[in-house]
Amino acid sequence: MKVVLVKSNMWNPKQMVISLFTWSKVCHAALLFNNTYRLYDASESRGDVDYGKTLEQIKNQKIIVYDIPESEEAAKKYALLKRGTKYDWKGIMGWVPFFSSNDPQTVYCFELVLQTLLTMSHINGFATDRVAGDLRQKLFKKPIDSDDIFILLERCQLHPVFEGKAKDYLGKLLSER
């Protein structure tokens, strides 16, 4: 399984608004399961959790990819159970005082990725209950953002396996097959 973080494009108004609210250069997070080229995410444009765009469809978008070395089986099972979950419109407003939501029945992209990662008992040999206790407590409190994902991956001593355009990453995956 891979974590894909989409970098904000300054020419895309929606991405820039997300970046301004979250104070991040990342506007979206998704999962990429082994042997697939289609992102699994919570999407505001679709309104739910499901498989979304392919790497080919977002070809010129800059991405950061982390490879999660453990078996994806349990995490994928958890993520797929979230399929069809409604997008957390109120939750994304968590960066604006008085608009946040704590509804665990809805989810946005950063929450989906962090929740999925925290279902794993270990990441890169590190017990998630030991390295992510504070993140677990924050899990159903808004806002969750890309920094929370970066913090977890850093604590597990993972580094990006790719940074660049999605089409170049797709080419890399295809050449490895």
Protein backbone atom coordinates (compact mmCIF):
# COMPACT_ATOMS: atom_id res chain seq x y z
CA MET A 1 0.00 0.00 0.00
CA LYS A 2 1.13 3.52 -0.72
CA VAL A 3 0.12 6.88 0.67
CA VAL A 4 -0.20 9.51 -2.05
CA LEU A 5 -0.16 13.17 -1.06
CA VAL A 6 -1.15 15.64 -3.76
CA LYS A 7 0.74 18.90 -3.78
CA SER A 8 -1.25 22.08 -4.28
CA ASN A 9 -1.15 23.68 -7.68
CA MET A 10 -1.14 27.45 -7.30
CA TRP A 11 -3.19 27.78 -10.51
CA ASN A 12 -6.02 25.63 -9.14
CA PRO A 13 -8.35 27.77 -6.96
CA LYS A 14 -9.88 24.81 -5.08
CA GLN A 15 -6.45 23.42 -4.20
CA MET A 16 -5.20 26.82 -3.09
CA VAL A 17 -8.21 27.34 -0.79
CA ILE A 18 -7.55 23.97 0.86
CA SER A 19 -3.88 24.87 1.27
CA LEU A 20 -4.73 28.24 2.77
CA PHE A 21 -7.10 26.69 5.30
CA THR A 22 -4.74 23.86 6.25
CA TRP A 23 -1.50 25.85 6.04
CA SER A 24 -0.05 23.04 3.94
CA LYS A 25 1.45 22.56 0.50
CA VAL A 26 -0.65 19.40 0.26
CA CYS A 27 -4.29 19.62 -0.80
CA HIS A 28 -5.31 15.96 -0.97
CA ALA A 29 -4.41 12.52 0.40
CA ALA A 30 -5.21 9.11 -1.03
CA LEU A 31 -4.25 5.47 -0.84
CA LEU A 32 -2.87 3.42 -3.67
CA PHE A 33 -3.26 -0.29 -3.15
CA ASN A 34 -0.74 -2.70 -4.63
CA ASN A 35 -1.29 -3.63 -8.26
CA THR A 36 -3.63 -0.69 -8.92
CA TYR A 37 -3.18 2.70 -10.53
CA ARG A 38 -6.46 4.16 -9.25
CA LEU A 39 -6.44 6.28 -6.11
CA TYR A 40 -8.73 5.33 -3.24
CA ASP A 41 -9.88 8.45 -1.45
CA ALA A 42 -12.57 10.60 0.09
CA SER A 43 -13.42 13.12 -2.59
CA GLU A 44 -15.41 16.31 -2.28
CA SER A 45 -16.21 16.26 -6.00
CA ARG A 46 -17.67 12.72 -5.74
CA GLY A 47 -19.06 13.28 -2.25
CA ASP A 48 -17.92 9.97 -0.79
CA VAL A 49 -15.16 7.41 -0.25
CA ASP A 50 -14.38 5.24 -3.27
CA TYR A 51 -11.87 4.59 -5.99
CA GLY A 52 -11.26 7.84 -7.80
CA LYS A 53 -8.98 9.09 -10.50
CA THR A 54 -6.13 7.10 -11.95
CA LEU A 55 -2.53 8.25 -11.91
CA GLU A 56 -2.92 8.77 -15.64
CA GLN A 57 -5.86 11.12 -15.13
CA ILE A 58 -3.89 13.34 -12.72
CA LYS A 59 -0.77 13.01 -14.86
CA ASN A 60 0.71 16.50 -14.40
CA GLN A 61 -0.24 16.85 -10.74
CA LYS A 62 2.76 16.78 -8.42
CA ILE A 63 2.58 14.05 -5.82
CA ILE A 64 4.54 12.69 -2.88
CA VAL A 65 4.42 8.91 -2.44
CA TYR A 66 5.24 6.87 0.65
CA ASP A 67 5.48 3.09 0.49
CA ILE A 68 4.06 1.37 3.56
CA PRO A 69 6.18 -1.79 3.86
CA GLU A 70 3.74 -3.94 5.85
CA SER A 71 1.09 -6.12 4.30
CA GLU A 72 -1.79 -3.98 3.13
CA GLU A 73 -4.42 -6.64 3.84
CA ALA A 74 -5.90 -5.32 7.14
CA ALA A 75 -5.57 -1.67 6.18
CA LYS A 76 -7.17 -2.26 2.80
CA LYS A 77 -10.02 -4.18 4.44
CA TYR A 78 -10.63 -1.23 6.79
CA ALA A 79 -10.47 1.32 3.98
CA LEU A 80 -12.83 -0.68 1.79
CA LEU A 81 -15.33 -0.85 4.67
CA LYS A 82 -15.40 2.96 4.43
CA ARG A 83 -16.41 2.75 0.76
CA GLY A 84 -19.53 4.83 0.19
CA THR A 85 -19.08 6.82 3.41
CA LYS A 86 -20.26 10.37 2.83
CA TYR A 87 -17.74 13.16 2.48
CA ASP A 88 -17.28 15.23 5.65
CA TRP A 89 -18.23 18.68 4.41
CA LYS A 90 -18.55 20.08 7.94
CA GLY A 91 -15.26 18.47 8.97
CA ILE A 92 -13.26 20.30 6.35
CA MET A 93 -14.58 23.49 7.88
CA GLY A 94 -12.80 22.49 11.11
CA TRP A 95 -10.14 25.08 10.40
CA VAL A 96 -12.80 27.79 10.67
CA PRO A 97 -13.91 28.36 14.28
CA PHE A 98 -17.48 27.25 15.12
CA PHE A 99 -17.89 25.14 11.95
CA SER A 100 -16.12 21.92 12.86
CA SER A 101 -17.77 18.52 12.93
CA ASN A 102 -16.93 15.41 14.91
CA ASP A 103 -19.22 13.09 12.99
CA PRO A 104 -17.47 9.70 12.70
CA GLN A 105 -20.04 8.71 10.06
CA THR A 106 -18.39 11.06 7.54
CA VAL A 107 -14.79 11.43 6.44
CA TYR A 108 -12.54 13.63 4.31
CA CYS A 109 -9.31 12.64 2.60
CA PHE A 110 -6.77 13.32 5.37
CA GLU A 111 -8.98 11.54 7.91
CA LEU A 112 -9.43 8.48 5.70
CA VAL A 113 -5.69 8.06 5.19
CA LEU A 114 -4.78 8.62 8.85
CA GLN A 115 -7.57 6.33 10.11
CA THR A 116 -6.46 3.61 7.70
CA LEU A 117 -2.80 3.89 8.73
CA LEU A 118 -3.74 3.74 12.40
CA THR A 119 -5.57 0.44 11.90
CA MET A 120 -2.15 -1.10 11.33
CA SER A 121 -0.48 -2.48 14.44
CA HIS A 122 2.97 -1.67 13.05
CA ILE A 123 4.34 0.60 10.36
CA ASN A 124 7.94 0.06 9.31
CA GLY A 125 8.52 -1.96 12.48
CA PHE A 126 7.14 0.73 14.81
CA ALA A 127 4.09 -0.06 16.97
CA THR A 128 1.46 2.49 16.04
CA ASP A 129 0.01 2.48 19.56
CA ARG A 130 3.40 3.70 20.83
CA VAL A 131 4.27 6.27 18.16
CA ALA A 132 0.80 7.63 17.48
CA GLY A 133 -1.09 7.83 20.77
CA ASP A 134 -1.61 11.56 20.38
CA LEU A 135 -2.79 11.12 16.78
CA ARG A 136 -5.25 8.41 17.84
CA GLN A 137 -6.74 10.78 20.42
CA LYS A 138 -7.07 13.45 17.76
CA LEU A 139 -8.57 11.06 15.22
CA PHE A 140 -12.22 11.96 15.63
CA LYS A 141 -11.57 15.54 16.58
CA LYS A 142 -11.19 18.03 13.82
CA PRO A 143 -9.16 19.11 12.05
CA ILE A 144 -6.97 16.30 10.77
CA ASP A 145 -4.63 17.48 8.03
CA SER A 146 -1.62 16.45 5.99
CA ASP A 147 0.73 17.37 8.84
CA ASP A 148 -0.77 14.56 10.94
CA ILE A 149 0.04 12.08 8.18
CA PHE A 150 3.55 13.49 7.75
CA ILE A 151 4.11 13.26 11.53
CA LEU A 152 3.08 9.61 11.64
CA LEU A 153 5.22 8.67 8.64
CA GLU A 154 8.21 10.53 10.09
CA ARG A 155 7.81 8.83 13.47
CA CYS A 156 7.85 5.52 11.61
CA GLN A 157 11.03 6.65 9.85
CA LEU A 158 9.51 6.49 6.39
CA HIS A 159 10.67 8.76 3.62
CA PRO A 160 9.05 9.49 0.27
CA VAL A 161 9.82 6.92 -2.41
CA PHE A 162 8.77 9.41 -5.09
CA GLU A 163 8.22 13.14 -5.53
CA GLY A 164 7.20 14.50 -8.89
CA LYS A 165 4.46 14.30 -11.51
CA ALA A 166 1.91 11.50 -11.27
CA LYS A 167 2.61 10.43 -14.87
CA ASP A 168 6.29 9.91 -14.01
CA TYR A 169 5.36 7.77 -11.02
CA LEU A 170 2.99 5.74 -13.18
CA GLY A 171 5.85 5.23 -15.65
CA LYS A 172 8.06 4.06 -12.79
CA LEU A 173 5.41 1.57 -11.62
CA LEU A 174 4.86 0.24 -15.13
CA SER A 175 8.59 -0.21 -15.74
CA GLU A 176 8.92 -2.19 -12.47
CA ARG A 177 6.36 -4.75 -13.67
